[in-house]
Amino acid sequence: MFGRPASARWENVVSEIYDTDRMREIVREGVEDGLEGREIPAILDFLESEEGRHVVALELAAREAMIDESTEAAARERFRAIEGSDDPVLLQVERFVEANDLVEANVAGALNASFQFYQGLADGGALEITEGEILSEVWATEEETRADTRDWLYGFMLMAYTPLEQAQLEDYVALSATEEGRLMNRALFEGFNTMYDSISYALGLAAAREMQGEDL
């Protein structure tokens, strides 16, 4: 990005931006705001059950596994290999994704984060660009972002949920499609998107200053 090796101060500021305690707090506040005044007893009961803890453990394991590029590539390839088929896990995952509009929600989050990064670059003086021009740049990536998001999302969910028994997956998908399930998903997106927007803007601002050799 800089056309040269990044400085030590850049490494330090990136570490400060990705402060996990602060990230966790932003997500927590966003989720709480999204759930304010709303009750989700069925979701809480599920998450506290043995089956719920098992599902969450599988999701976390899949996310950690997909940090590895070769594992992510294999997960994407598995999805592409069965896309459009009557694979039972794929059919359930499709219901899950459609019930909660997960592709569009993830695409919107990614585009908003990209906008915030450009805004940080502009506010930091690295770019002379209007808000309209930023929007045009961001929307130009919309199709590519949607395709990439879809492959990653389906690859991740297939990896996470394949170990479940069919009845367990059916119950989980049905729960996600309830009013409580959709509310919980929206609250999670609110929390995580707020965090990603904050990080992206901070990175853009810091990158602008690094480009100009300013103190971070």
Protein backbone atom coordinates (compact mmCIF):
# COMPACT_ATOMS: atom_id res chain seq x y z
CA MET A 1 0.00 0.00 0.00
CA PHE A 2 2.83 2.40 0.79
CA GLY A 3 5.25 1.43 -1.98
CA ARG A 4 7.86 0.70 0.68
CA PRO A 5 8.17 -1.37 3.85
CA ALA A 6 5.84 -0.15 6.56
CA SER A 7 7.42 1.69 9.46
CA ALA A 8 7.56 0.37 13.02
CA ARG A 9 5.07 3.03 14.04
CA TRP A 10 2.61 1.67 11.49
CA GLU A 11 2.92 -1.80 13.04
CA ASN A 12 2.31 -0.26 16.46
CA VAL A 13 -0.75 1.70 15.43
CA VAL A 14 -2.28 -1.35 13.72
CA SER A 15 -1.84 -3.28 16.97
CA GLU A 16 -3.56 -0.45 18.84
CA ILE A 17 -6.45 -0.36 16.36
CA TYR A 18 -6.97 -4.11 16.70
CA ASP A 19 -7.26 -3.96 20.47
CA THR A 20 -9.36 -7.02 21.25
CA ASP A 21 -10.79 -5.65 24.50
CA ARG A 22 -12.04 -2.54 22.71
CA MET A 23 -13.33 -4.61 19.78
CA ARG A 24 -15.24 -6.87 22.14
CA GLU A 25 -16.79 -3.90 23.92
CA ILE A 26 -17.93 -2.28 20.66
CA VAL A 27 -19.58 -5.52 19.55
CA ARG A 28 -21.19 -6.03 22.95
CA GLU A 29 -22.64 -2.51 22.96
CA GLY A 30 -23.91 -2.90 19.40
CA VAL A 31 -25.63 -6.19 20.17
CA GLU A 32 -27.18 -4.73 23.32
CA ASP A 33 -28.47 -1.76 21.33
CA GLY A 34 -29.92 -4.11 18.73
CA LEU A 35 -31.72 -6.12 21.40
CA GLU A 36 -32.79 -3.19 23.58
CA GLY A 37 -36.27 -3.77 24.94
CA ARG A 38 -36.62 -7.11 23.18
CA GLU A 39 -36.73 -10.57 24.75
CA ILE A 40 -35.17 -13.64 23.14
CA PRO A 41 -35.79 -16.47 25.63
CA ALA A 42 -35.82 -19.24 23.01
CA ILE A 43 -32.42 -18.15 21.67
CA LEU A 44 -30.90 -17.91 25.15
CA ASP A 45 -32.28 -21.31 26.10
CA PHE A 46 -30.78 -22.80 22.96
CA LEU A 47 -27.36 -21.20 23.48
CA GLU A 48 -27.26 -22.47 27.05
CA SER A 49 -28.24 -26.01 26.07
CA GLU A 50 -25.81 -28.81 25.27
CA GLU A 51 -26.89 -28.77 21.63
CA GLY A 52 -26.50 -24.99 21.41
CA ARG A 53 -23.00 -25.08 22.88
CA HIS A 54 -22.12 -27.82 20.38
CA VAL A 55 -23.32 -25.70 17.44
CA VAL A 56 -21.40 -22.65 18.63
CA ALA A 57 -18.27 -24.76 19.11
CA LEU A 58 -18.57 -26.01 15.54
CA GLU A 59 -18.98 -22.45 14.23
CA LEU A 60 -15.96 -21.21 16.14
CA ALA A 61 -13.86 -24.17 15.00
CA ALA A 62 -14.80 -23.53 11.37
CA ARG A 63 -13.93 -19.84 11.63
CA GLU A 64 -10.57 -20.64 13.15
CA ALA A 65 -9.88 -23.30 10.53
CA MET A 66 -10.65 -20.91 7.68
CA ILE A 67 -7.94 -18.54 8.82
CA ASP A 68 -5.67 -20.97 6.99
CA GLU A 69 -5.74 -20.04 3.29
CA SER A 70 -5.60 -23.63 2.03
CA THR A 71 -8.47 -24.64 4.33
CA GLU A 72 -10.54 -21.68 3.15
CA ALA A 73 -9.82 -22.54 -0.48
CA ALA A 74 -10.91 -26.14 0.11
CA ALA A 75 -14.13 -25.00 1.81
CA ARG A 76 -14.95 -22.70 -1.09
CA GLU A 77 -14.22 -25.48 -3.59
CA ARG A 78 -16.46 -27.90 -1.73
CA PHE A 79 -19.35 -25.45 -2.00
CA ARG A 80 -18.76 -24.86 -5.70
CA ALA A 81 -18.64 -28.64 -6.28
CA ILE A 82 -22.12 -29.20 -4.82
CA GLU A 83 -23.74 -25.87 -5.69
CA GLY A 84 -27.17 -26.43 -7.23
CA SER A 85 -27.34 -30.02 -6.03
CA ASP A 86 -29.78 -31.66 -3.62
CA ASP A 87 -27.10 -32.20 -0.99
CA PRO A 88 -29.10 -32.23 2.28
CA VAL A 89 -26.71 -30.02 4.24
CA LEU A 90 -26.50 -27.52 1.37
CA LEU A 91 -30.30 -27.33 1.17
CA GLN A 92 -30.51 -26.57 4.89
CA VAL A 93 -27.74 -23.98 4.66
CA GLU A 94 -29.56 -22.30 1.78
CA ARG A 95 -32.66 -22.02 3.96
CA PHE A 96 -30.56 -20.55 6.78
CA VAL A 97 -28.95 -17.97 4.48
CA GLU A 98 -32.24 -16.97 2.85
CA ALA A 99 -34.16 -16.71 6.13
CA ASN A 100 -31.69 -14.20 7.51
CA ASP A 101 -30.60 -12.55 4.22
CA LEU A 102 -27.02 -13.38 5.18
CA VAL A 103 -25.37 -12.73 1.82
CA GLU A 104 -26.83 -9.24 1.47
CA ALA A 105 -26.16 -8.41 5.11
CA ASN A 106 -22.52 -9.41 4.76
CA VAL A 107 -22.12 -7.55 1.48
CA ALA A 108 -23.60 -4.39 2.99
CA GLY A 109 -21.21 -4.66 5.93
CA ALA A 110 -18.20 -5.14 3.66
CA LEU A 111 -19.11 -2.20 1.42
CA ASN A 112 -19.72 0.07 4.41
CA ALA A 113 -16.35 -0.88 5.89
CA SER A 114 -14.68 -0.13 2.56
CA PHE A 115 -16.40 3.25 2.49
CA GLN A 116 -15.10 4.03 5.97
CA PHE A 117 -11.55 3.12 4.94
CA TYR A 118 -11.70 5.50 1.97
CA GLN A 119 -13.20 8.18 4.23
CA GLY A 120 -10.29 7.75 6.63
CA LEU A 121 -7.81 8.13 3.77
CA ALA A 122 -9.61 11.28 2.61
CA ASP A 123 -9.88 12.82 6.09
CA GLY A 124 -6.20 12.05 6.64
CA GLY A 125 -5.26 13.98 3.51
CA ALA A 126 -4.02 11.03 1.45
CA LEU A 127 -6.81 11.37 -1.13
CA GLU A 128 -8.68 14.31 -2.61
CA ILE A 129 -12.00 12.63 -3.17
CA THR A 130 -15.64 13.51 -2.60
CA GLU A 131 -18.16 11.35 -0.80
CA GLY A 132 -19.86 10.69 -4.12
CA GLU A 133 -16.60 9.51 -5.65
CA ILE A 134 -16.00 7.22 -2.68
CA LEU A 135 -19.46 5.73 -3.13
CA SER A 136 -18.74 5.13 -6.81
CA GLU A 137 -15.45 3.40 -5.99
CA VAL A 138 -17.10 1.21 -3.37
CA TRP A 139 -20.12 0.27 -5.51
CA ALA A 140 -17.80 -0.67 -8.37
CA THR A 141 -16.70 -3.63 -6.22
CA GLU A 142 -20.23 -4.72 -5.31
CA GLU A 143 -20.53 -7.63 -7.75
CA GLU A 144 -17.09 -9.01 -6.90
CA THR A 145 -17.77 -8.59 -3.19
CA ARG A 146 -21.08 -10.46 -3.45
CA ALA A 147 -19.51 -13.40 -5.29
CA ASP A 148 -16.62 -13.62 -2.84
CA THR A 149 -18.96 -13.29 0.16
CA ARG A 150 -21.27 -16.01 -1.12
CA ASP A 151 -18.44 -18.49 -1.67
CA TRP A 152 -16.93 -17.81 1.76
CA LEU A 153 -20.25 -17.89 3.59
CA TYR A 154 -21.45 -21.16 2.09
CA GLY A 155 -18.01 -22.73 2.46
CA PHE A 156 -17.92 -21.76 6.13
CA MET A 157 -21.44 -22.93 6.90
CA LEU A 158 -20.99 -26.27 5.15
CA MET A 159 -17.83 -26.87 7.14
CA ALA A 160 -19.47 -25.87 10.42
CA TYR A 161 -22.75 -27.74 10.08
CA THR A 162 -21.87 -30.95 8.24
CA PRO A 163 -20.96 -32.71 11.54
CA LEU A 164 -24.48 -32.08 12.89
CA GLU A 165 -27.18 -34.72 12.61
CA GLN A 166 -29.82 -33.77 10.08
CA ALA A 167 -32.48 -33.29 12.77
CA GLN A 168 -30.17 -31.02 14.78
CA LEU A 169 -29.45 -28.87 11.74
CA GLU A 170 -33.15 -28.72 10.90
CA ASP A 171 -33.94 -27.48 14.42
CA TYR A 172 -31.18 -24.85 14.26
CA VAL A 173 -32.30 -23.56 10.86
CA ALA A 174 -35.92 -23.41 12.04
CA LEU A 175 -34.88 -21.46 15.14
CA SER A 176 -32.87 -18.98 13.06
CA ALA A 177 -35.93 -18.30 10.91
CA THR A 178 -38.11 -17.31 13.87
CA GLU A 179 -38.66 -13.68 14.83
CA GLU A 180 -36.23 -14.15 17.73
CA GLY A 181 -33.64 -15.75 15.49
CA ARG A 182 -33.78 -12.97 12.91
CA LEU A 183 -33.64 -10.36 15.67
CA MET A 184 -30.53 -11.97 17.13
CA ASN A 185 -28.84 -12.08 13.73
CA ARG A 186 -29.63 -8.41 13.07
CA ALA A 187 -28.25 -7.46 16.49
CA LEU A 188 -25.05 -9.42 15.81
CA PHE A 189 -24.60 -7.65 12.49
CA GLU A 190 -25.17 -4.29 14.17
CA GLY A 191 -22.47 -5.04 16.73
CA PHE A 192 -19.89 -6.43 14.34
CA ASN A 193 -20.51 -3.87 11.58
CA THR A 194 -20.06 -1.03 14.06
CA MET A 195 -16.74 -2.56 15.06
CA TYR A 196 -15.61 -3.10 11.45
CA ASP A 197 -16.58 0.45 10.48
CA SER A 198 -14.58 1.84 13.40
CA ILE A 199 -11.52 -0.26 12.55
CA SER A 200 -11.70 0.53 8.83
CA TYR A 201 -11.91 4.28 9.37
CA ALA A 202 -9.03 4.19 11.87
CA LEU A 203 -6.91 2.16 9.44
CA GLY A 204 -7.64 4.60 6.61
CA LEU A 205 -6.72 7.58 8.77
CA ALA A 206 -3.54 5.89 10.00
CA ALA A 207 -2.58 4.83 6.46
CA ALA A 208 -2.98 8.41 5.24
CA ARG A 209 -0.62 9.66 7.91
CA GLU A 210 1.87 6.88 7.18
CA MET A 211 1.83 7.80 3.50
CA GLN A 212 2.64 11.38 4.41
CA GLY A 213 5.25 10.48 6.98
CA GLU A 214 3.29 12.09 9.80
CA ASP A 215 3.31 11.07 13.43
CA LEU A 216 0.63 8.50 14.08
